[in-house]
Amino acid sequence: MDRGLVSNPKDLERMQQELVSLDRRIATLEDEELDVMERLEAAQEEHSRLTARLAEIDARMAELTAGRDAKAGDTESEIAAATEERKVVASGVPEDLMALYERVRVQKGGVGAAALRHRQCTGCSLQLNAGDLDVIAKASPDEVLRCEECNRILVRTPESGV
């Protein structure tokens, strides 16, 4: 075109319009490319930030998991020690009382006996009336007493109030 090889003016005009159109398209594509590059850069920065945050969270999770596992190990050893202690204590309890305790414990979700403190059953928090306290006071020390409300075995303590 610059060398004068195109002699038809209409072809020359069409070619010039095509060049203008292509220049506009190139400018539009370059603008879009810059926009895409900016978004890519922002996305890469966000990815880097999130990757660093994920690494922090993973480290914290590993730390918490190690702490949990250590406490679980401590709890397991405490349970084992308590189980052994329970066996020793339970060996001195009459079998019929142990059977009653186990039956009530199963019914009450793991707690078969409750202390009587300050005239109150610690199993159900029932405040015992004077008549019930009188019956408890007159009962022999080896008599098994039960709470009227929750049916747990009442364990008399020095703080019973009787």
N, C-alpha and C. Protein backbone atom coordinates (compact mmCIF):
# COMPACT_ATOMS: atom_id res chain seq x y z
N MET A 1 0.82 -1.17 0.00
CA MET A 1 0.00 0.00 0.00
C MET A 1 0.89 1.26 0.00
N ASP A 2 1.94 1.24 0.83
CA ASP A 2 2.84 2.40 0.88
C ASP A 2 3.69 2.50 -0.40
N ARG A 3 3.87 1.41 -1.08
CA ARG A 3 4.72 1.40 -2.27
C ARG A 3 3.92 1.76 -3.52
N GLY A 4 2.65 1.93 -3.38
CA GLY A 4 1.81 2.31 -4.52
C GLY A 4 1.43 1.15 -5.40
N LEU A 5 1.41 -0.05 -4.87
CA LEU A 5 1.06 -1.21 -5.66
C LEU A 5 -0.44 -1.35 -5.87
N VAL A 6 -1.22 -0.71 -5.00
CA VAL A 6 -2.67 -0.79 -5.14
C VAL A 6 -3.10 0.44 -5.93
N SER A 7 -3.67 0.20 -7.08
CA SER A 7 -4.03 1.30 -7.95
C SER A 7 -5.50 1.70 -7.84
N ASN A 8 -6.34 0.79 -7.44
CA ASN A 8 -7.77 1.07 -7.32
C ASN A 8 -8.01 1.86 -6.04
N PRO A 9 -8.57 3.08 -6.13
CA PRO A 9 -8.77 3.90 -4.94
C PRO A 9 -9.75 3.26 -3.95
N LYS A 10 -10.74 2.55 -4.44
CA LYS A 10 -11.69 1.92 -3.52
C LYS A 10 -11.01 0.82 -2.71
N ASP A 11 -10.16 0.04 -3.34
CA ASP A 11 -9.43 -1.01 -2.62
C ASP A 11 -8.50 -0.38 -1.58
N LEU A 12 -7.89 0.74 -1.99
CA LEU A 12 -7.00 1.44 -1.09
C LEU A 12 -7.77 1.97 0.12
N GLU A 13 -8.93 2.54 -0.15
CA GLU A 13 -9.76 3.06 0.95
C GLU A 13 -10.21 1.93 1.87
N ARG A 14 -10.62 0.80 1.29
CA ARG A 14 -11.03 -0.35 2.11
C ARG A 14 -9.87 -0.88 2.96
N MET A 15 -8.71 -0.90 2.39
CA MET A 15 -7.55 -1.37 3.12
C MET A 15 -7.22 -0.42 4.27
N GLN A 16 -7.32 0.87 4.04
CA GLN A 16 -7.06 1.85 5.09
C GLN A 16 -8.09 1.71 6.21
N GLN A 17 -9.36 1.50 5.83
CA GLN A 17 -10.41 1.30 6.84
C GLN A 17 -10.15 0.02 7.64
N GLU A 18 -9.68 -0.98 6.92
CA GLU A 18 -9.36 -2.25 7.59
C GLU A 18 -8.21 -2.05 8.57
N LEU A 19 -7.20 -1.27 8.18
CA LEU A 19 -6.08 -0.98 9.08
C LEU A 19 -6.55 -0.21 10.32
N VAL A 20 -7.42 0.77 10.12
CA VAL A 20 -7.96 1.53 11.24
C VAL A 20 -8.74 0.60 12.16
N SER A 21 -9.55 -0.25 11.56
CA SER A 21 -10.35 -1.21 12.33
C SER A 21 -9.44 -2.18 13.10
N LEU A 22 -8.40 -2.66 12.46
CA LEU A 22 -7.45 -3.56 13.12
C LEU A 22 -6.70 -2.85 14.24
N ASP A 23 -6.33 -1.59 14.02
CA ASP A 23 -5.66 -0.81 15.07
C ASP A 23 -6.58 -0.67 16.29
N ARG A 24 -7.87 -0.37 16.03
CA ARG A 24 -8.82 -0.26 17.14
C ARG A 24 -8.94 -1.60 17.87
N ARG A 25 -9.03 -2.68 17.10
CA ARG A 25 -9.16 -4.02 17.70
C ARG A 25 -7.92 -4.36 18.53
N ILE A 26 -6.75 -4.00 18.01
CA ILE A 26 -5.51 -4.24 18.75
C ILE A 26 -5.52 -3.44 20.05
N ALA A 27 -5.93 -2.18 20.00
CA ALA A 27 -5.99 -1.35 21.20
C ALA A 27 -6.96 -1.93 22.22
N THR A 28 -8.12 -2.40 21.73
CA THR A 28 -9.12 -3.01 22.62
C THR A 28 -8.56 -4.27 23.25
N LEU A 29 -7.92 -5.10 22.47
CA LEU A 29 -7.34 -6.34 22.99
C LEU A 29 -6.21 -6.06 23.98
N GLU A 30 -5.41 -5.03 23.70
CA GLU A 30 -4.34 -4.67 24.63
C GLU A 30 -4.93 -4.19 25.96
N ASP A 31 -6.01 -3.38 25.88
CA ASP A 31 -6.67 -2.92 27.11
C ASP A 31 -7.22 -4.11 27.89
N GLU A 32 -7.85 -5.04 27.18
CA GLU A 32 -8.38 -6.24 27.84
C GLU A 32 -7.26 -7.08 28.45
N GLU A 33 -6.14 -7.17 27.74
CA GLU A 33 -4.99 -7.92 28.25
C GLU A 33 -4.46 -7.28 29.53
N LEU A 34 -4.37 -5.94 29.55
CA LEU A 34 -3.91 -5.25 30.75
C LEU A 34 -4.88 -5.50 31.91
N ASP A 35 -6.18 -5.45 31.62
CA ASP A 35 -7.18 -5.71 32.65
C ASP A 35 -7.04 -7.13 33.19
N VAL A 36 -6.87 -8.09 32.30
CA VAL A 36 -6.70 -9.48 32.71
C VAL A 36 -5.42 -9.64 33.53
N MET A 37 -4.37 -8.98 33.12
CA MET A 37 -3.10 -9.06 33.85
C MET A 37 -3.23 -8.47 35.26
N GLU A 38 -3.96 -7.34 35.37
CA GLU A 38 -4.20 -6.74 36.69
C GLU A 38 -5.01 -7.68 37.58
N ARG A 39 -6.05 -8.28 36.99
CA ARG A 39 -6.86 -9.22 37.78
C ARG A 39 -6.06 -10.45 38.16
N LEU A 40 -5.19 -10.92 37.25
CA LEU A 40 -4.33 -12.06 37.55
C LEU A 40 -3.38 -11.72 38.70
N GLU A 41 -2.80 -10.53 38.65
CA GLU A 41 -1.90 -10.11 39.71
C GLU A 41 -2.63 -10.03 41.05
N ALA A 42 -3.84 -9.47 41.05
CA ALA A 42 -4.63 -9.39 42.28
C ALA A 42 -4.99 -10.80 42.77
N ALA A 43 -5.34 -11.68 41.85
CA ALA A 43 -5.69 -13.05 42.23
C ALA A 43 -4.47 -13.78 42.78
N GLN A 44 -3.30 -13.55 42.20
CA GLN A 44 -2.08 -14.19 42.70
C GLN A 44 -1.73 -13.66 44.10
N GLU A 45 -1.93 -12.37 44.33
CA GLU A 45 -1.69 -11.82 45.66
C GLU A 45 -2.66 -12.43 46.67
N GLU A 46 -3.93 -12.52 46.28
CA GLU A 46 -4.94 -13.13 47.16
C GLU A 46 -4.60 -14.60 47.42
N HIS A 47 -4.15 -15.29 46.38
CA HIS A 47 -3.76 -16.69 46.53
C HIS A 47 -2.60 -16.81 47.52
N SER A 48 -1.61 -15.94 47.38
CA SER A 48 -0.46 -15.96 48.29
C SER A 48 -0.90 -15.67 49.72
N ARG A 49 -1.78 -14.68 49.89
CA ARG A 49 -2.27 -14.34 51.22
C ARG A 49 -3.04 -15.51 51.82
N LEU A 50 -3.91 -16.14 51.03
CA LEU A 50 -4.70 -17.26 51.53
C LEU A 50 -3.83 -18.48 51.81
N THR A 51 -2.80 -18.67 50.99
CA THR A 51 -1.88 -19.79 51.21
C THR A 51 -1.13 -19.60 52.52
N ALA A 52 -0.70 -18.37 52.80
CA ALA A 52 -0.02 -18.08 54.06
C ALA A 52 -0.98 -18.28 55.24
N ARG A 53 -2.21 -17.82 55.07
CA ARG A 53 -3.22 -17.98 56.14
C ARG A 53 -3.51 -19.47 56.38
N LEU A 54 -3.58 -20.23 55.31
CA LEU A 54 -3.81 -21.67 55.43
C LEU A 54 -2.66 -22.34 56.18
N ALA A 55 -1.45 -21.91 55.90
CA ALA A 55 -0.28 -22.46 56.61
C ALA A 55 -0.36 -22.13 58.09
N GLU A 56 -0.79 -20.89 58.43
CA GLU A 56 -0.96 -20.51 59.84
C GLU A 56 -2.02 -21.38 60.51
N ILE A 57 -3.14 -21.57 59.81
CA ILE A 57 -4.23 -22.38 60.36
C ILE A 57 -3.79 -23.82 60.54
N ASP A 58 -3.07 -24.36 59.56
CA ASP A 58 -2.57 -25.74 59.67
C ASP A 58 -1.63 -25.88 60.86
N ALA A 59 -0.77 -24.89 61.06
CA ALA A 59 0.16 -24.95 62.20
C ALA A 59 -0.61 -24.88 63.52
N ARG A 60 -1.59 -24.00 63.58
CA ARG A 60 -2.41 -23.87 64.80
C ARG A 60 -3.20 -25.15 65.04
N MET A 61 -3.72 -25.74 63.98
CA MET A 61 -4.47 -26.98 64.12
C MET A 61 -3.57 -28.11 64.61
N ALA A 62 -2.36 -28.17 64.11
CA ALA A 62 -1.41 -29.19 64.56
C ALA A 62 -1.09 -28.99 66.04
N GLU A 63 -0.93 -27.73 66.44
CA GLU A 63 -0.65 -27.41 67.84
C GLU A 63 -1.84 -27.82 68.73
N LEU A 64 -3.05 -27.47 68.31
CA LEU A 64 -4.23 -27.82 69.10
C LEU A 64 -4.46 -29.33 69.13
N THR A 65 -4.21 -29.99 68.03
CA THR A 65 -4.36 -31.45 67.99
C THR A 65 -3.37 -32.12 68.94
N ALA A 66 -2.15 -31.62 68.96
CA ALA A 66 -1.15 -32.18 69.87
C ALA A 66 -1.57 -31.96 71.33
N GLY A 67 -2.09 -30.77 71.62
CA GLY A 67 -2.57 -30.50 72.98
C GLY A 67 -3.75 -31.38 73.35
N ARG A 68 -4.68 -31.54 72.40
CA ARG A 68 -5.83 -32.41 72.65
C ARG A 68 -5.38 -33.84 72.90
N ASP A 69 -4.46 -34.32 72.08
CA ASP A 69 -3.99 -35.70 72.24
C ASP A 69 -3.27 -35.89 73.58
N ALA A 70 -2.52 -34.88 73.98
CA ALA A 70 -1.83 -34.98 75.28
C ALA A 70 -2.85 -35.02 76.42
N LYS A 71 -3.87 -34.16 76.33
CA LYS A 71 -4.91 -34.16 77.38
C LYS A 71 -5.71 -35.45 77.35
N ALA A 72 -5.95 -35.98 76.15
CA ALA A 72 -6.67 -37.25 76.05
C ALA A 72 -5.87 -38.36 76.72
N GLY A 73 -4.56 -38.33 76.52
CA GLY A 73 -3.71 -39.33 77.18
C GLY A 73 -3.77 -39.18 78.69
N ASP A 74 -3.73 -37.93 79.16
CA ASP A 74 -3.85 -37.69 80.61
C ASP A 74 -5.19 -38.18 81.13
N THR A 75 -6.25 -37.88 80.37
CA THR A 75 -7.59 -38.30 80.78
C THR A 75 -7.70 -39.81 80.82
N GLU A 76 -7.13 -40.47 79.84
CA GLU A 76 -7.15 -41.94 79.82
C GLU A 76 -6.46 -42.51 81.04
N SER A 77 -5.32 -41.93 81.40
CA SER A 77 -4.61 -42.45 82.58
C SER A 77 -5.40 -42.13 83.86
N GLU A 78 -6.06 -40.98 83.91
CA GLU A 78 -6.90 -40.66 85.06
C GLU A 78 -8.08 -41.62 85.17
N ILE A 79 -8.67 -41.96 84.03
CA ILE A 79 -9.79 -42.91 84.02
C ILE A 79 -9.31 -44.28 84.49
N ALA A 80 -8.16 -44.70 84.02
CA ALA A 80 -7.62 -46.00 84.43
C ALA A 80 -7.35 -46.01 85.93
N ALA A 81 -6.78 -44.92 86.45
CA ALA A 81 -6.51 -44.84 87.89
C ALA A 81 -7.81 -44.84 88.69
N ALA A 82 -8.80 -44.09 88.22
CA ALA A 82 -10.09 -44.04 88.92
C ALA A 82 -10.79 -45.40 88.87
N THR A 83 -10.67 -46.09 87.75
CA THR A 83 -11.27 -47.41 87.62
C THR A 83 -10.63 -48.39 88.61
N GLU A 84 -9.32 -48.33 88.73
CA GLU A 84 -8.63 -49.19 89.69
C GLU A 84 -9.04 -48.84 91.12
N GLU A 85 -9.11 -47.54 91.41
CA GLU A 85 -9.51 -47.11 92.74
C GLU A 85 -10.95 -47.55 93.04
N ARG A 86 -11.81 -47.47 92.04
CA ARG A 86 -13.21 -47.90 92.21
C ARG A 86 -13.28 -49.39 92.52
N LYS A 87 -12.46 -50.18 91.83
CA LYS A 87 -12.45 -51.62 92.09
C LYS A 87 -12.07 -51.92 93.53
N VAL A 88 -11.06 -51.19 94.03
CA VAL A 88 -10.61 -51.40 95.41
C VAL A 88 -11.72 -51.02 96.38
N VAL A 89 -12.34 -49.85 96.17
CA VAL A 89 -13.40 -49.39 97.06
C VAL A 89 -14.62 -50.31 96.96
N ALA A 90 -14.98 -50.70 95.74
CA ALA A 90 -16.17 -51.52 95.53
C ALA A 90 -16.00 -52.92 96.12
N SER A 91 -14.78 -53.37 96.25
CA SER A 91 -14.58 -54.71 96.80
C SER A 91 -15.04 -54.80 98.26
N GLY A 92 -15.10 -53.68 98.96
CA GLY A 92 -15.55 -53.67 100.36
C GLY A 92 -17.04 -53.41 100.51
N VAL A 93 -17.76 -53.24 99.41
CA VAL A 93 -19.20 -52.95 99.46
C VAL A 93 -19.97 -54.26 99.25
N PRO A 94 -21.02 -54.49 100.05
CA PRO A 94 -21.81 -55.71 99.88
C PRO A 94 -22.37 -55.82 98.45
N GLU A 95 -22.49 -57.06 97.98
CA GLU A 95 -22.91 -57.30 96.60
C GLU A 95 -24.31 -56.78 96.32
N ASP A 96 -25.25 -56.94 97.28
CA ASP A 96 -26.61 -56.48 97.03
C ASP A 96 -26.67 -54.95 96.91
N LEU A 97 -25.85 -54.25 97.70
CA LEU A 97 -25.80 -52.78 97.60
C LEU A 97 -25.15 -52.37 96.28
N MET A 98 -24.13 -53.10 95.87
CA MET A 98 -23.47 -52.81 94.59
C MET A 98 -24.44 -53.02 93.43
N ALA A 99 -25.25 -54.09 93.51
CA ALA A 99 -26.22 -54.36 92.45
C ALA A 99 -27.27 -53.25 92.40
N LEU A 100 -27.74 -52.79 93.57
CA LEU A 100 -28.70 -51.69 93.62
C LEU A 100 -28.07 -50.43 93.02
N TYR A 101 -26.85 -50.14 93.43
CA TYR A 101 -26.16 -48.95 92.91
C TYR A 101 -26.04 -49.01 91.38
N GLU A 102 -25.62 -50.14 90.85
CA GLU A 102 -25.45 -50.27 89.40
C GLU A 102 -26.78 -50.08 88.67
N ARG A 103 -27.85 -50.66 89.22
CA ARG A 103 -29.17 -50.53 88.60
C ARG A 103 -29.61 -49.06 88.57
N VAL A 104 -29.46 -48.36 89.70
CA VAL A 104 -29.84 -46.95 89.76
C VAL A 104 -28.93 -46.11 88.88
N ARG A 105 -27.65 -46.44 88.86
CA ARG A 105 -26.69 -45.70 88.03
C ARG A 105 -27.07 -45.76 86.56
N VAL A 106 -27.46 -46.94 86.10
CA VAL A 106 -27.86 -47.09 84.70
C VAL A 106 -29.13 -46.28 84.43
N GLN A 107 -30.10 -46.33 85.35
CA GLN A 107 -31.35 -45.60 85.18
C GLN A 107 -31.14 -44.09 85.18
N LYS A 108 -30.19 -43.61 85.94
CA LYS A 108 -29.99 -42.17 86.13
C LYS A 108 -28.84 -41.61 85.30
N GLY A 109 -28.42 -42.31 84.31
CA GLY A 109 -27.41 -41.77 83.40
C GLY A 109 -26.01 -41.68 83.98
N GLY A 110 -25.64 -42.61 84.85
CA GLY A 110 -24.27 -42.67 85.34
C GLY A 110 -24.07 -42.28 86.79
N VAL A 111 -25.09 -41.74 87.45
CA VAL A 111 -24.94 -41.33 88.85
C VAL A 111 -25.98 -42.08 89.67
N GLY A 112 -25.51 -43.07 90.45
CA GLY A 112 -26.42 -43.90 91.23
C GLY A 112 -26.58 -43.47 92.67
N ALA A 113 -25.67 -42.64 93.16
CA ALA A 113 -25.72 -42.20 94.55
C ALA A 113 -25.50 -40.69 94.58
N ALA A 114 -26.07 -40.06 95.61
CA ALA A 114 -25.91 -38.62 95.75
C ALA A 114 -25.70 -38.29 97.22
N ALA A 115 -24.85 -37.34 97.48
CA ALA A 115 -24.59 -36.93 98.86
C ALA A 115 -25.76 -36.10 99.39
N LEU A 116 -26.01 -36.24 100.65
CA LEU A 116 -27.01 -35.42 101.34
C LEU A 116 -26.23 -34.31 102.04
N ARG A 117 -26.34 -33.09 101.52
CA ARG A 117 -25.60 -31.96 102.07
C ARG A 117 -26.57 -30.82 102.37
N HIS A 118 -26.46 -30.32 103.56
CA HIS A 118 -27.29 -29.17 103.98
C HIS A 118 -28.77 -29.43 103.69
N ARG A 119 -29.20 -30.64 104.06
CA ARG A 119 -30.58 -31.10 103.91
C ARG A 119 -31.07 -31.13 102.47
N GLN A 120 -30.14 -31.30 101.55
CA GLN A 120 -30.49 -31.30 100.13
C GLN A 120 -29.80 -32.47 99.43
N CYS A 121 -30.58 -33.16 98.57
CA CYS A 121 -30.01 -34.24 97.74
C CYS A 121 -29.22 -33.59 96.62
N THR A 122 -27.95 -33.94 96.49
CA THR A 122 -27.13 -33.34 95.43
C THR A 122 -27.40 -33.96 94.07
N GLY A 123 -28.20 -35.02 94.03
CA GLY A 123 -28.55 -35.63 92.74
C GLY A 123 -29.63 -34.85 92.02
N CYS A 124 -30.66 -34.43 92.75
CA CYS A 124 -31.79 -33.73 92.12
C CYS A 124 -32.02 -32.34 92.70
N SER A 125 -31.23 -31.97 93.70
CA SER A 125 -31.32 -30.66 94.37
C SER A 125 -32.62 -30.48 95.16
N LEU A 126 -33.25 -31.59 95.54
CA LEU A 126 -34.47 -31.52 96.35
C LEU A 126 -34.11 -31.17 97.78
N GLN A 127 -34.77 -30.18 98.34
CA GLN A 127 -34.60 -29.82 99.75
C GLN A 127 -35.52 -30.75 100.54
N LEU A 128 -34.95 -31.56 101.42
CA LEU A 128 -35.74 -32.51 102.20
C LEU A 128 -36.50 -31.79 103.31
N ASN A 129 -37.71 -32.26 103.58
CA ASN A 129 -38.51 -31.64 104.64
C ASN A 129 -38.10 -32.21 106.00
N ALA A 130 -38.63 -31.62 107.06
CA ALA A 130 -38.26 -32.00 108.42
C ALA A 130 -38.62 -33.46 108.71
N GLY A 131 -39.74 -33.95 108.20
CA GLY A 131 -40.15 -35.34 108.42
C GLY A 131 -39.16 -36.32 107.81
N ASP A 132 -38.76 -36.05 106.56
CA ASP A 132 -37.78 -36.92 105.90
C ASP A 132 -36.44 -36.88 106.63
N LEU A 133 -36.04 -35.72 107.07
CA LEU A 133 -34.79 -35.59 107.80
C LEU A 133 -34.84 -36.34 109.13
N ASP A 134 -36.01 -36.34 109.77
CA ASP A 134 -36.17 -37.07 111.03
C ASP A 134 -36.02 -38.57 110.79
N VAL A 135 -36.63 -39.07 109.70
CA VAL A 135 -36.51 -40.50 109.35
C VAL A 135 -35.05 -40.84 109.09
N ILE A 136 -34.36 -39.97 108.37
CA ILE A 136 -32.94 -40.21 108.06
C ILE A 136 -32.11 -40.20 109.34
N ALA A 137 -32.40 -39.26 110.23
CA ALA A 137 -31.64 -39.16 111.48
C ALA A 137 -31.82 -40.40 112.34
N LYS A 138 -33.03 -40.99 112.32
CA LYS A 138 -33.31 -42.16 113.15
C LYS A 138 -32.85 -43.47 112.51
N ALA A 139 -32.52 -43.44 111.24
CA ALA A 139 -32.11 -44.67 110.54
C ALA A 139 -30.72 -45.10 111.02
N SER A 140 -30.50 -46.39 111.01
CA SER A 140 -29.18 -46.89 111.43
C SER A 140 -28.14 -46.51 110.38
N PRO A 141 -26.89 -46.37 110.77
CA PRO A 141 -25.84 -45.93 109.84
C PRO A 141 -25.65 -46.85 108.63
N ASP A 142 -25.98 -48.13 108.77
CA ASP A 142 -25.78 -49.04 107.64
C ASP A 142 -27.04 -49.24 106.81
N GLU A 143 -28.12 -48.54 107.13
CA GLU A 143 -29.36 -48.64 106.36
C GLU A 143 -29.22 -47.83 105.07
N VAL A 144 -29.69 -48.42 103.98
CA VAL A 144 -29.62 -47.76 102.68
C VAL A 144 -30.84 -46.86 102.53
N LEU A 145 -30.58 -45.57 102.36
CA LEU A 145 -31.66 -44.58 102.21
C LEU A 145 -31.66 -44.08 100.77
N ARG A 146 -32.89 -43.77 100.29
CA ARG A 146 -33.01 -43.30 98.91
C ARG A 146 -33.79 -42.00 98.87
N CYS A 147 -33.46 -41.19 97.91
CA CYS A 147 -34.14 -39.91 97.73
C CYS A 147 -35.55 -40.17 97.20
N GLU A 148 -36.52 -39.48 97.76
CA GLU A 148 -37.91 -39.64 97.33
C GLU A 148 -38.13 -39.11 95.91
N GLU A 149 -37.37 -38.12 95.52
CA GLU A 149 -37.56 -37.49 94.22
C GLU A 149 -36.85 -38.24 93.09
N CYS A 150 -35.55 -38.45 93.23
CA CYS A 150 -34.77 -39.02 92.12
C CYS A 150 -34.46 -40.51 92.30
N ASN A 151 -34.74 -41.04 93.45
CA ASN A 151 -34.57 -42.47 93.74
C ASN A 151 -33.10 -42.89 93.84
N ARG A 152 -32.18 -41.94 93.88
CA ARG A 152 -30.77 -42.28 94.06
C ARG A 152 -30.51 -42.67 95.52
N ILE A 153 -29.44 -43.40 95.71
CA ILE A 153 -29.02 -43.77 97.06
C ILE A 153 -28.47 -42.51 97.73
N LEU A 154 -28.97 -42.20 98.91
CA LEU A 154 -28.50 -41.02 99.64
C LEU A 154 -27.29 -41.40 100.50
N VAL A 155 -26.25 -40.64 100.38
CA VAL A 155 -25.04 -40.85 101.17
C VAL A 155 -24.99 -39.74 102.22
N ARG A 156 -25.07 -40.15 103.45
CA ARG A 156 -25.04 -39.15 104.54
C ARG A 156 -23.62 -38.68 104.75
N THR A 157 -23.50 -37.40 104.95
CA THR A 157 -22.18 -36.77 105.18
C THR A 157 -22.26 -35.95 106.47
N PRO A 158 -21.13 -35.51 106.97
CA PRO A 158 -21.17 -34.64 108.16
C PRO A 158 -21.95 -33.33 107.90
N GLU A 159 -22.08 -32.95 106.62
CA GLU A 159 -22.79 -31.72 106.26
C GLU A 159 -24.26 -31.97 105.94
N SER A 160 -24.77 -33.16 106.27
CA SER A 160 -26.13 -33.53 105.90
C SER A 160 -27.18 -32.65 106.56
N GLY A 161 -26.93 -32.21 107.72
CA GLY A 161 -27.91 -31.39 108.43
C GLY A 161 -28.87 -32.21 109.28
N VAL A 162 -28.49 -33.46 109.56
CA VAL A 162 -29.34 -34.33 110.43
C VAL A 162 -28.60 -34.68 111.70
